[in-house]
Protein backbone atom coordinates (compact mmCIF):
# COMPACT_ATOMS: atom_id res chain seq x y z
CA MET A 1 25.88 -78.31 -38.31
CA ARG A 2 28.57 -76.32 -36.57
CA LYS A 3 28.13 -73.56 -39.12
CA LYS A 4 24.40 -73.55 -38.49
CA ILE A 5 24.91 -73.43 -34.73
CA TYR A 6 27.50 -70.69 -35.18
CA LEU A 7 25.11 -68.61 -37.28
CA MET A 8 22.29 -69.15 -34.76
CA GLY A 9 24.63 -67.87 -32.02
CA VAL A 10 25.49 -64.80 -34.01
CA PHE A 11 21.84 -64.08 -34.62
CA LEU A 12 21.14 -64.55 -30.91
CA VAL A 13 23.85 -62.13 -29.89
CA ILE A 14 22.55 -59.58 -32.38
CA ALA A 15 18.99 -60.02 -31.18
CA VAL A 16 20.03 -59.53 -27.54
CA ALA A 17 22.02 -56.44 -28.47
CA ILE A 18 19.09 -54.94 -30.38
CA SER A 19 16.67 -55.67 -27.49
CA MET A 20 19.02 -53.97 -25.04
CA ILE A 21 19.30 -50.93 -27.25
CA LEU A 22 15.50 -50.74 -27.49
CA VAL A 23 15.11 -51.14 -23.71
CA ASN A 24 17.53 -48.26 -23.19
CA ILE A 25 15.72 -46.09 -25.70
CA TYR A 26 12.29 -46.58 -24.15
CA THR A 27 13.27 -46.62 -20.47
CA ARG A 28 15.87 -43.85 -20.46
CA GLN A 29 14.75 -40.96 -18.17
CA PRO A 30 14.64 -37.60 -19.92
CA THR A 31 17.18 -35.00 -18.80
CA PRO A 32 15.50 -33.06 -16.00
CA SER A 33 14.61 -29.47 -16.84
CA LEU A 34 15.12 -26.70 -14.39
CA LYS A 35 11.82 -25.98 -12.61
CA GLN A 36 10.82 -22.41 -12.01
CA ARG A 37 10.06 -21.25 -8.49
CA ILE A 38 6.62 -19.68 -8.73
CA VAL A 39 4.72 -17.79 -6.03
CA VAL A 40 1.05 -16.80 -6.33
CA TYR A 41 0.03 -13.87 -4.10
CA ALA A 42 -3.70 -13.13 -3.72
CA TYR A 43 -4.59 -9.48 -3.38
CA ASN A 44 -8.17 -8.36 -2.78
CA ASP A 45 -8.63 -5.37 -5.04
CA LYS A 46 -8.11 -4.39 -8.69
CA ILE A 47 -5.05 -2.34 -9.45
CA THR A 48 -5.84 1.32 -10.02
CA GLY A 49 -2.69 2.14 -12.04
CA ILE A 50 1.05 1.66 -12.26
CA ASP A 51 2.38 5.06 -13.28
CA PRO A 52 5.31 5.44 -10.83
CA SER A 53 4.86 9.21 -10.61
CA ILE A 54 1.08 9.52 -10.30
CA GLU A 55 -0.35 6.29 -8.82
CA ASP A 56 -1.67 6.88 -5.28
CA ASP A 57 -3.72 3.74 -4.58
CA THR A 58 -3.67 -0.06 -5.00
CA GLY A 59 -0.95 0.09 -7.72
CA LEU A 60 1.56 0.13 -4.79
CA VAL A 61 1.22 -3.64 -4.66
CA VAL A 62 2.92 -3.82 -8.06
CA LEU A 63 5.13 -0.76 -8.02
CA GLY A 64 6.88 -1.82 -4.81
CA SER A 65 8.54 -4.83 -6.54
CA ILE A 66 9.42 -3.23 -9.86
CA TYR A 67 10.75 0.16 -8.79
CA GLU A 68 12.98 1.44 -6.05
CA THR A 69 13.31 4.60 -4.03
CA LEU A 70 16.46 6.44 -2.95
CA THR A 71 15.98 5.36 0.66
CA TYR A 72 13.99 2.76 2.62
CA TYR A 73 12.13 3.28 5.92
CA ASP A 74 12.70 0.73 8.67
CA TYR A 75 9.40 0.82 10.62
CA LYS A 76 10.85 -1.15 13.53
CA THR A 77 13.53 1.40 14.34
CA GLY A 78 12.41 4.55 12.52
CA ALA A 79 15.77 4.59 10.73
CA VAL A 80 16.20 5.49 7.08
CA LYS A 81 18.34 2.98 5.16
CA PRO A 82 20.16 3.12 1.81
CA ARG A 83 18.54 1.86 -1.37
CA LEU A 84 19.40 3.56 -4.64
CA ALA A 85 21.22 6.21 -2.59
CA ILE A 86 24.10 4.82 -0.53
CA ASN A 87 24.64 7.88 1.65
CA TRP A 88 23.48 11.49 1.99
CA SER A 89 24.21 14.69 3.85
CA VAL A 90 22.39 17.91 4.64
CA ASP A 91 23.59 21.42 5.37
CA SER A 92 23.03 23.00 8.75
CA GLY A 93 19.96 24.87 7.56
CA GLY A 94 18.26 21.80 6.25
CA LYS A 95 17.71 23.30 2.78
CA GLU A 96 20.38 21.51 0.77
CA TRP A 97 20.63 17.74 0.53
CA MET A 98 23.33 15.83 -1.29
CA PHE A 99 22.78 12.16 -2.25
CA GLN A 100 25.50 9.79 -3.40
CA LEU A 101 23.97 7.20 -5.72
CA ARG A 102 24.65 3.50 -5.99
CA ARG A 103 26.94 2.61 -8.91
CA GLY A 104 26.60 -0.30 -11.30
CA VAL A 105 22.78 -0.36 -11.17
CA LYS A 106 20.84 -1.07 -14.37
CA PHE A 107 17.20 -0.60 -15.26
CA HIS A 108 15.27 -3.56 -16.57
CA ASP A 109 15.93 -2.50 -20.16
CA GLY A 110 19.69 -2.28 -19.55
CA THR A 111 19.76 1.56 -19.26
CA PRO A 112 22.30 2.66 -16.63
CA PHE A 113 20.90 4.17 -13.43
CA ASN A 114 22.28 7.64 -12.72
CA ALA A 115 21.51 11.12 -11.45
CA THR A 116 19.54 12.02 -14.57
CA ALA A 117 17.06 9.26 -13.81
CA VAL A 118 16.57 10.61 -10.26
CA LYS A 119 16.07 14.17 -11.45
CA ILE A 120 13.42 13.40 -14.06
CA SER A 121 11.56 10.94 -11.83
CA ILE A 122 11.15 13.31 -8.92
CA GLU A 123 10.51 16.36 -11.05
CA ARG A 124 7.75 14.57 -12.92
CA ALA A 125 5.96 13.56 -9.73
CA ARG A 126 6.35 17.02 -8.31
CA ASP A 127 5.30 18.94 -11.43
CA ILE A 128 2.25 16.75 -12.23
CA TYR A 129 0.98 17.42 -8.73
CA ARG A 130 1.66 21.13 -9.03
CA GLU A 131 -0.14 21.40 -12.33
CA THR A 132 -3.02 18.96 -11.87
CA GLY A 133 -3.24 18.09 -8.17
CA ARG A 134 -2.93 14.41 -9.09
CA GLY A 135 -0.80 11.88 -7.32
CA MET A 136 1.23 12.36 -4.16
CA GLY A 137 3.83 14.72 -5.59
CA TYR A 138 3.08 17.19 -2.84
CA ILE A 139 5.81 15.47 -0.88
CA TRP A 140 8.33 17.32 -3.10
CA ASP A 141 6.71 20.73 -2.63
CA ALA A 142 9.83 22.18 -0.99
CA VAL A 143 12.12 21.06 -3.84
CA GLU A 144 13.04 24.21 -5.75
CA GLU A 145 15.85 22.81 -7.85
CA ILE A 146 17.53 19.45 -8.46
CA GLU A 147 21.13 19.82 -9.57
CA ILE A 148 23.17 17.02 -11.12
CA ILE A 149 26.70 17.29 -9.71
CA ASP A 150 28.02 14.29 -11.59
CA GLU A 151 26.70 10.93 -12.76
CA TYR A 152 26.34 9.57 -9.24
CA THR A 153 25.88 12.73 -7.16
CA ILE A 154 22.73 14.81 -7.00
CA LYS A 155 21.85 17.91 -4.93
CA PHE A 156 18.36 19.03 -3.85
CA ILE A 157 17.89 22.73 -3.16
CA LEU A 158 14.79 23.38 -1.01
CA LYS A 159 12.60 26.45 -0.45
CA TYR A 160 12.32 25.47 3.20
CA PRO A 161 13.87 22.79 5.41
CA GLN A 162 12.60 19.24 5.04
CA ARG A 163 13.49 15.69 6.13
CA LEU A 164 14.31 14.72 2.58
CA ASP A 165 15.70 11.38 3.64
CA LEU A 166 12.23 10.45 4.93
CA LEU A 167 10.49 11.81 1.84
CA ALA A 168 12.79 9.83 -0.46
CA SER A 169 11.54 6.63 1.14
CA GLY A 170 7.93 7.33 0.25
CA SER A 171 5.56 4.55 -0.85
CA TYR A 172 4.26 6.81 -3.65
CA ALA A 173 5.73 9.57 -5.85
CA ALA A 174 9.32 8.55 -4.93
CA TYR A 175 9.99 5.75 -7.45
CA ILE A 176 12.84 6.11 -9.97
CA PHE A 177 12.10 5.14 -13.56
CA SER A 178 14.32 4.82 -16.61
CA PRO A 179 14.95 7.91 -18.79
CA SER A 180 14.42 5.59 -21.76
CA VAL A 181 10.65 5.69 -21.29
CA ILE A 182 10.36 8.85 -23.34
CA GLU A 183 11.67 7.06 -26.44
CA LYS A 184 9.83 3.80 -25.78
CA ALA A 185 6.50 5.61 -25.21
CA ASN A 186 7.12 7.81 -28.24
CA VAL A 187 6.35 11.00 -26.34
CA THR A 188 7.88 14.46 -26.51
CA SER A 189 8.45 15.06 -22.79
CA TYR A 190 8.05 13.49 -19.33
CA MET A 191 4.96 15.64 -18.80
CA ASP A 192 3.20 14.30 -21.90
CA GLU A 193 -0.14 12.76 -20.90
CA LYS A 194 0.51 9.86 -23.25
CA LEU A 195 3.32 8.70 -20.99
CA GLU A 196 0.78 8.01 -18.26
CA ASP A 197 -1.26 5.93 -20.70
CA TRP A 198 1.87 4.03 -21.67
CA PHE A 199 2.67 3.15 -18.08
CA ASN A 200 -0.93 2.13 -17.29
CA SER A 201 -1.13 0.00 -20.42
CA GLY A 202 1.29 -2.38 -18.73
CA ASN A 203 4.72 -0.91 -19.25
CA ALA A 204 7.30 -0.48 -16.50
CA ILE A 205 11.09 0.05 -16.40
CA GLY A 206 12.48 0.14 -12.92
CA THR A 207 15.59 -1.15 -11.12
CA GLY A 208 13.83 -3.43 -8.66
CA PRO A 209 14.28 -7.19 -8.09
CA TYR A 210 11.32 -8.03 -10.35
CA LYS A 211 10.30 -6.83 -13.79
CA LEU A 212 6.84 -6.68 -15.27
CA ILE A 213 5.99 -9.29 -17.93
CA SER A 214 2.18 -9.10 -18.10
CA TYR A 215 -0.45 -6.77 -16.70
CA ASP A 216 -4.21 -7.24 -16.32
CA PRO A 217 -5.27 -4.93 -13.46
CA THR A 218 -8.56 -6.75 -12.81
CA ARG A 219 -7.21 -10.36 -12.94
CA GLU A 220 -3.52 -10.99 -12.76
CA ILE A 221 -0.08 -9.40 -12.91
CA ARG A 222 3.05 -11.41 -13.59
CA LEU A 223 6.51 -10.44 -12.52
CA GLU A 224 9.81 -12.07 -13.43
CA LYS A 225 13.02 -12.19 -11.41
CA TYR A 226 15.50 -9.61 -12.66
CA ASP A 227 18.81 -11.47 -12.49
CA GLU A 228 20.92 -8.32 -12.81
CA TRP A 229 19.39 -6.64 -9.75
CA TRP A 230 22.16 -5.13 -7.65
CA GLY A 231 20.72 -6.52 -4.39
CA TRP A 232 20.96 -10.22 -5.09
CA LYS A 233 24.58 -10.30 -3.94
CA GLU A 234 23.67 -8.68 -0.63
CA ILE A 235 20.59 -10.80 0.05
CA ASN A 236 22.09 -14.11 -1.16
CA ASN A 237 18.78 -15.90 -1.57
CA PRO A 238 19.08 -18.52 -4.35
CA ASN A 239 15.59 -19.80 -3.57
CA ALA A 240 13.79 -16.49 -4.34
CA PRO A 241 10.82 -16.80 -6.72
CA ASP A 242 11.57 -16.83 -10.45
CA ILE A 243 7.94 -15.80 -11.22
CA VAL A 244 5.58 -13.84 -9.04
CA ILE A 245 1.88 -13.89 -9.89
CA ILE A 246 -0.22 -11.23 -8.18
CA LYS A 247 -3.76 -12.60 -8.57
CA ILE A 248 -6.74 -10.37 -7.98
CA VAL A 249 -9.07 -12.33 -5.67
CA THR A 250 -11.64 -9.97 -4.21
CA GLU A 251 -13.55 -12.51 -2.13
CA PRO A 252 -11.92 -13.59 1.13
CA VAL A 253 -13.53 -17.01 0.92
CA ALA A 254 -12.00 -17.50 -2.55
CA GLN A 255 -8.57 -16.69 -1.11
CA TYR A 256 -9.17 -19.24 1.64
CA ASN A 257 -10.18 -21.92 -0.85
CA GLY A 258 -7.23 -21.03 -3.08
CA LEU A 259 -4.80 -21.67 -0.22
CA LEU A 260 -6.42 -25.08 0.49
CA SER A 261 -6.32 -26.14 -3.17
CA GLY A 262 -2.72 -25.03 -3.61
CA GLU A 263 -3.59 -22.47 -6.24
CA ILE A 264 -2.50 -19.59 -3.95
CA ASP A 265 0.69 -19.46 -1.91
CA ILE A 266 0.17 -16.15 -0.01
CA ALA A 267 -3.21 -14.68 0.88
CA SER A 268 -3.67 -11.11 2.08
CA SER A 269 -7.36 -11.17 2.91
CA ILE A 270 -8.78 -14.49 4.10
CA PRO A 271 -11.80 -14.54 6.45
CA ARG A 272 -10.37 -13.99 9.90
CA GLU A 273 -12.41 -16.81 11.34
CA ASN A 274 -10.48 -19.22 9.08
CA VAL A 275 -6.96 -18.24 10.20
CA ARG A 276 -6.80 -20.68 13.09
CA MET A 277 -8.12 -23.52 10.95
CA LEU A 278 -5.42 -22.88 8.37
CA LEU A 279 -2.68 -22.79 10.97
CA GLU A 280 -3.89 -26.15 12.23
CA LYS A 281 -3.54 -27.50 8.70
CA GLY A 282 0.13 -26.49 8.51
CA PHE A 283 -0.15 -23.03 6.98
CA LYS A 284 1.78 -20.14 8.50
CA ALA A 285 0.90 -16.54 9.15
CA ILE A 286 2.47 -13.19 9.89
CA ASN A 287 0.16 -10.91 11.86
CA LEU A 288 1.37 -7.52 10.74
CA PRO A 289 0.52 -4.48 12.94
CA THR A 290 -0.11 -2.00 10.16
CA TYR A 291 -0.38 1.68 9.44
CA HIS A 292 -3.52 0.76 7.55
CA ASN A 293 -6.36 2.34 9.49
CA PHE A 294 -10.08 2.91 9.13
CA ILE A 295 -11.76 6.24 9.68
CA LEU A 296 -15.34 7.43 10.00
CA PHE A 297 -15.84 10.78 8.20
CA PHE A 298 -18.76 13.07 9.05
CA ASN A 299 -20.26 15.16 6.24
CA THR A 300 -19.80 18.53 7.97
CA LYS A 301 -21.76 20.34 5.20
CA ARG A 302 -25.06 18.47 5.54
CA TYR A 303 -27.71 18.35 8.23
CA PRO A 304 -27.63 16.80 10.84
CA THR A 305 -23.97 15.76 10.73
CA ASN A 306 -23.02 19.42 10.40
CA ILE A 307 -23.92 19.77 14.12
CA ARG A 308 -21.05 19.13 16.50
CA GLU A 309 -23.26 17.75 19.29
CA PHE A 310 -24.91 15.25 16.91
CA ARG A 311 -21.48 14.03 15.87
CA LEU A 312 -20.44 13.64 19.49
CA ALA A 313 -23.63 11.67 20.20
CA ILE A 314 -22.64 9.16 17.51
CA ALA A 315 -19.05 9.09 18.82
CA HIS A 316 -20.13 8.15 22.34
CA ALA A 317 -22.68 5.57 21.09
CA LEU A 318 -20.00 3.72 19.18
CA ASP A 319 -18.54 0.71 21.03
CA ILE A 320 -15.20 0.19 19.28
CA SER A 321 -14.27 -2.73 21.49
CA ARG A 322 -17.31 -4.61 20.23
CA VAL A 323 -16.34 -3.75 16.65
CA ILE A 324 -12.83 -5.13 17.22
CA ARG A 325 -14.27 -8.26 18.76
CA ASP A 326 -17.12 -9.02 16.35
CA ALA A 327 -16.12 -7.47 13.04
CA LEU A 328 -12.35 -7.99 13.19
CA LEU A 329 -12.21 -11.01 15.54
CA GLY A 330 -9.40 -9.27 17.40
CA TYR A 331 -7.30 -8.46 14.36
CA GLY A 332 -7.16 -4.74 15.11
CA LYS A 333 -6.38 -2.13 17.69
CA PRO A 334 -8.76 0.63 18.78
CA ALA A 335 -7.56 3.84 17.08
CA SER A 336 -6.57 6.99 18.89
CA GLY A 337 -7.18 9.74 16.35
CA ILE A 338 -6.39 9.19 12.71
CA ILE A 339 -2.66 8.59 13.01
CA PRO A 340 -1.92 4.93 13.72
CA HIS A 341 -0.07 3.54 16.69
CA GLU A 342 3.73 3.47 16.38
CA PHE A 343 3.60 5.96 13.49
CA PRO A 344 5.43 9.31 13.89
CA GLY A 345 3.12 11.81 15.54
CA HIS A 346 0.67 9.37 17.05
CA VAL A 347 -1.16 10.74 20.11
CA GLU A 348 -2.77 8.60 22.79
CA GLY A 349 -6.11 9.55 24.39
CA LEU A 350 -7.87 10.77 21.24
CA THR A 351 -10.80 8.40 21.82
CA TYR A 352 -14.49 8.75 22.79
CA GLU A 353 -15.72 6.72 25.76
CA TYR A 354 -18.60 4.42 24.95
CA ASP A 355 -21.37 5.92 27.08
CA LEU A 356 -24.99 5.81 25.95
CA ALA A 357 -26.13 8.22 28.60
CA GLU A 358 -23.55 10.78 27.46
CA ALA A 359 -24.59 10.10 23.84
CA ARG A 360 -28.22 10.89 24.66
CA ASN A 361 -27.18 14.09 26.41
CA TYR A 362 -25.35 15.26 23.28
CA LEU A 363 -28.23 14.18 21.14
CA ASN A 364 -30.63 16.31 23.16
CA ALA A 365 -28.24 19.23 23.01
CA SER A 366 -28.06 18.92 19.25
CA GLY A 367 -31.75 19.77 18.84
CA VAL A 368 -32.14 17.03 16.21
CA LYS A 369 -35.65 15.55 16.25
CA LEU A 370 -35.95 11.79 16.49
CA PRO A 371 -36.27 9.50 14.70
CA VAL A 372 -33.78 10.76 12.16
CA THR A 373 -32.34 8.96 9.11
CA ILE A 374 -28.72 9.22 8.01
CA ASN A 375 -26.72 7.42 5.31
CA LEU A 376 -23.55 5.41 5.75
CA LEU A 377 -21.29 4.88 2.75
CA TYR A 378 -18.75 2.06 3.08
CA GLN A 379 -16.50 -0.14 1.01
CA VAL A 380 -18.06 -3.48 0.19
CA ASP A 381 -14.70 -5.06 -0.77
CA TYR A 382 -13.54 -5.34 2.83
CA GLU A 383 -15.25 -7.95 5.00
CA GLU A 384 -14.53 -5.86 8.13
CA THR A 385 -16.30 -2.77 6.80
CA ARG A 386 -19.31 -4.87 5.79
CA LYS A 387 -19.52 -6.23 9.31
CA PHE A 388 -18.87 -2.82 10.83
CA ALA A 389 -21.77 -1.28 8.89
CA GLU A 390 -24.24 -3.78 10.29
CA ILE A 391 -22.95 -3.37 13.84
CA PHE A 392 -22.96 0.44 13.51
CA LYS A 393 -26.54 0.38 12.29
CA SER A 394 -27.67 -1.63 15.33
CA MET A 395 -25.77 0.66 17.75
CA MET A 396 -27.32 3.83 16.39
CA ALA A 397 -30.78 2.29 16.54
CA GLU A 398 -30.45 2.41 20.34
CA LEU A 399 -30.38 6.19 20.03
CA GLY A 400 -33.32 6.38 17.63
CA ILE A 401 -31.01 7.09 14.68
CA ILE A 402 -31.93 5.16 11.54
CA VAL A 403 -28.93 4.28 9.40
CA GLU A 404 -29.31 3.48 5.68
CA LEU A 405 -26.43 1.45 4.34
CA ASN A 406 -24.80 2.30 1.05
CA PRO A 407 -22.16 -0.32 0.10
CA GLN A 408 -19.92 0.50 -2.89
CA ASP A 409 -16.64 -0.67 -4.38
CA TRP A 410 -13.63 1.54 -3.71
CA ALA A 411 -13.64 3.46 -7.00
CA ARG A 412 -17.34 4.34 -6.71
CA LEU A 413 -17.05 5.16 -2.99
CA LYS A 414 -14.27 7.65 -3.68
CA ASP A 415 -16.26 9.40 -6.42
CA ILE A 416 -19.34 9.66 -4.19
CA ALA A 417 -17.49 10.74 -1.07
CA LYS A 418 -15.62 13.66 -2.62
CA GLY A 419 -18.93 15.04 -3.72
CA VAL A 420 -19.02 16.68 -0.29
CA TRP A 421 -17.24 19.60 -1.96
CA THR A 422 -19.63 20.01 -4.89
CA SER A 423 -23.00 18.58 -3.82
CA PRO A 424 -22.94 18.03 -0.03
CA GLU A 425 -26.73 17.55 0.28
CA GLU A 426 -26.52 14.56 -2.12
CA THR A 427 -23.45 13.09 -0.44
CA PRO A 428 -23.93 10.53 2.41
CA HIS A 429 -23.78 11.77 5.98
CA LEU A 430 -21.09 9.23 6.91
CA VAL A 431 -18.24 7.59 5.05
CA VAL A 432 -16.00 4.76 6.23
CA ALA A 433 -12.66 4.90 4.40
CA ASP A 434 -9.26 3.38 4.90
CA TRP A 435 -5.82 4.91 4.51
CA TRP A 436 -2.25 3.88 4.45
CA PRO A 437 0.61 6.42 4.32
CA THR A 438 2.82 7.77 1.58
CA ILE A 439 5.65 9.03 3.77
CA PRO A 440 6.48 8.56 7.50
CA SER A 441 5.09 11.97 8.52
CA PRO A 442 1.87 12.97 10.32
CA TYR A 443 1.35 15.51 7.52
CA ASP A 444 0.51 12.64 5.18
CA TYR A 445 -2.55 11.73 7.17
CA LEU A 446 -3.56 15.15 8.38
CA TYR A 447 -3.13 17.08 5.15
CA THR A 448 -4.59 14.43 2.88
CA MET A 449 -7.70 13.71 4.92
CA LEU A 450 -8.43 17.04 6.62
CA HIS A 451 -6.70 20.02 5.01
CA SER A 452 -9.14 22.39 3.27
CA ASP A 453 -7.01 22.25 0.09
CA SER A 454 -7.27 18.47 -0.15
CA LYS A 455 -10.45 18.08 -2.15
CA GLU A 456 -9.59 14.58 -3.33
CA TRP A 457 -9.52 12.79 0.06
CA ASN A 458 -11.06 15.16 2.61
CA PHE A 459 -14.41 13.30 2.73
CA ALA A 460 -15.60 15.39 5.69
CA GLY A 461 -15.56 18.64 3.77
CA PHE A 462 -13.63 19.95 6.76
CA GLU A 463 -12.45 23.57 6.54
CA ASN A 464 -10.61 25.05 9.47
CA LYS A 465 -7.97 27.78 9.01
CA ALA A 466 -6.41 27.20 12.42
CA PHE A 467 -5.95 23.50 11.67
CA ASP A 468 -4.48 24.23 8.24
CA GLU A 469 -1.97 26.68 9.66
CA LEU A 470 -0.87 24.28 12.41
CA ILE A 471 -0.11 21.37 10.11
CA ASP A 472 1.42 23.55 7.39
CA SER A 473 3.74 25.12 9.98
CA ALA A 474 4.58 21.67 11.36
CA TRP A 475 5.40 20.38 7.87
CA ILE A 476 7.92 23.18 7.32
CA LEU A 477 9.37 22.70 10.83
CA GLU A 478 10.05 18.96 10.34
CA GLY A 479 13.34 19.70 8.65
CA GLU A 480 14.42 22.28 11.18
CA ASP A 481 12.94 21.44 14.61
CA TYR A 482 11.41 17.95 14.47
CA ALA A 483 10.26 17.94 18.12
CA LYS A 484 8.49 21.26 17.75
CA ALA A 485 6.81 20.02 14.54
CA MET A 486 5.41 17.02 16.47
CA GLU A 487 3.94 19.38 19.12
CA LEU A 488 2.08 21.33 16.42
CA TYR A 489 0.78 18.12 14.90
CA GLU A 490 -0.55 17.12 18.29
CA GLN A 491 -2.33 20.45 18.74
CA ALA A 492 -3.98 19.98 15.34
CA GLN A 493 -5.15 16.45 16.21
CA ARG A 494 -6.70 17.64 19.48
CA LEU A 495 -8.54 20.37 17.64
CA VAL A 496 -10.11 17.80 15.27
CA HIS A 497 -10.92 15.49 18.18
CA GLU A 498 -12.76 18.16 20.12
CA ASP A 499 -14.81 18.97 17.06
CA ALA A 500 -15.53 15.29 16.29
CA VAL A 501 -15.01 15.76 12.56
CA VAL A 502 -13.70 12.27 12.08
CA ILE A 503 -13.43 9.20 14.28
CA GLY A 504 -10.44 6.91 14.12
CA LEU A 505 -12.00 3.43 14.26
CA TRP A 506 -9.18 0.89 14.27
CA ASP A 507 -5.63 0.31 13.19
CA GLU A 508 -5.55 -2.99 11.36
CA VAL A 509 -3.57 -6.07 12.28
CA ARG A 510 -3.48 -8.00 9.06
CA PRO A 511 -2.78 -11.74 8.84
CA PHE A 512 -0.77 -12.68 5.80
CA VAL A 513 -1.28 -16.44 5.53
CA TYR A 514 1.04 -18.56 3.47
CA SER A 515 1.77 -22.10 2.37
CA SER A 516 4.34 -24.34 3.99
CA ARG A 517 6.13 -24.65 0.63
CA ILE A 518 7.49 -21.14 1.10
CA ASN A 519 9.32 -19.32 3.82
CA MET A 520 8.45 -15.68 4.32
CA PRO A 521 10.41 -13.69 6.95
CA GLU A 522 8.75 -10.83 8.80
CA ASP A 523 11.12 -8.40 7.08
CA ALA A 524 9.33 -9.19 3.78
CA LEU A 525 6.49 -6.98 5.08
CA ASN A 526 6.60 -3.32 6.02
CA PRO A 527 3.49 -1.31 7.07
CA LEU A 528 4.73 1.82 5.28
CA TYR A 529 4.65 -0.14 2.01
CA MET A 530 1.25 -1.67 2.66
CA PHE A 531 0.46 -4.94 0.83
CA VAL A 532 3.88 -4.93 -0.85
CA ILE A 533 5.78 -8.18 -0.29
CA ARG A 534 9.53 -8.16 -0.66
CA PHE A 535 9.59 -11.30 -2.77
CA GLU A 536 13.35 -11.13 -2.99
CA LEU A 537 13.39 -12.29 0.68
CA VAL A 538 10.87 -15.11 0.14
CA GLU A 539 12.19 -18.67 -0.24
CA VAL A 540 10.40 -21.23 -2.39
CA ARG A 541 10.76 -24.97 -1.96
CA LEU A 542 10.55 -26.96 -5.18
């Protein structure tokens, strides 16, 4: 009996032990895996390209996180700060610049950053522009020779004085790429056209805080944190995103809904009427006063917009304050000329008073018979230009001017608008286009949009020798007598204003709305690098 009881006890102990083991097996919590910090940023246009030397449009949104420039422009102070260059000096004549480069920097493929990388990157941008007119390499026009002094010292020898520290901070044509691209792209030289195809196929090798891992320019771009970026020690942000997804969301309402559903963390283009509602729901916003402005171009080569008085009639019939109120809901500032407020070379007073009586006087002086029909080409991708077009049409109707609206996406608008140089009679009378700068210089706006040599972006077909000479002289003077250069730029702007070739409409104030799960400081945004977010400064809560 005792033996039986003893055996039963043994079996009971064994059974309890087995059950405890099973309980532990099935209830044990798995070892937690490290969660990635992911940020989804909604941008409202497809990416036009990511060649760091040639791209001059929406590709900036991607390039600004992958690549770096020698210097960085602080829009709040106007100061130029170190980036890949740690310091620089210029001779008394302004024609020789020496840059000391940052040591210990690696490209995303492990290639060391050095003076060779700087030389080939800048020469490629410069030479492609010289040979083809493509890109923004005109900013290096003065560069005659780039001399490598040693691995981390480089000298620029110029044909004429320039503020090379400003140019080196450009938002286009100033990015430094790895010399290894020639081997990886299987090309014979940096000027080989196949290299551009290689870049635009989704390849990128920069030194920036994020590296490219996937690229679909119409849908989504993915970036991954580059752990060996030199700047992490300086920034000390352990909560920076591990993955950045730039999602192409063209409809503002879709961006709004994406924020509400949690599918989007940062939105660049939500309907302005929804901003307050989102703030009430706990979202946050940075209202960025930008250098992104909107301009009305007159086709100066087609009747009746080739008549100065007719242009002035339109200018005085345009109530910009109503546009700011109704189309932008206050998220904008009435422009004064085509150079934005707070940008170098901005001039106050280059506006046209809203005065219908004055508008009718100019209309009578123009000799144009009423009613007359004109065409307005505008970008359908922006909600503000859609609203502007309707408001503009109603305003011109008060003068007896019939406006036919021609909405297009950006790529098509650009192709149509530059037809002013080849087929002006088939090109719309009016074009609304937007611009943001490449470099912090008035020349960037004035040359690109109004110089007679600028056939790519001069949608007015404007040709004026006096204007060209003024801004070309100012451009050369910037490196020698900056104050005098600003005076010449002002003269040039007043000349354009008196001729009413273009009308500055508004300088945008853009709300970047973001989720409460992230913290985005104001320094993460900079109007010179429009739509670029410095994700290395963003904090993500898990």
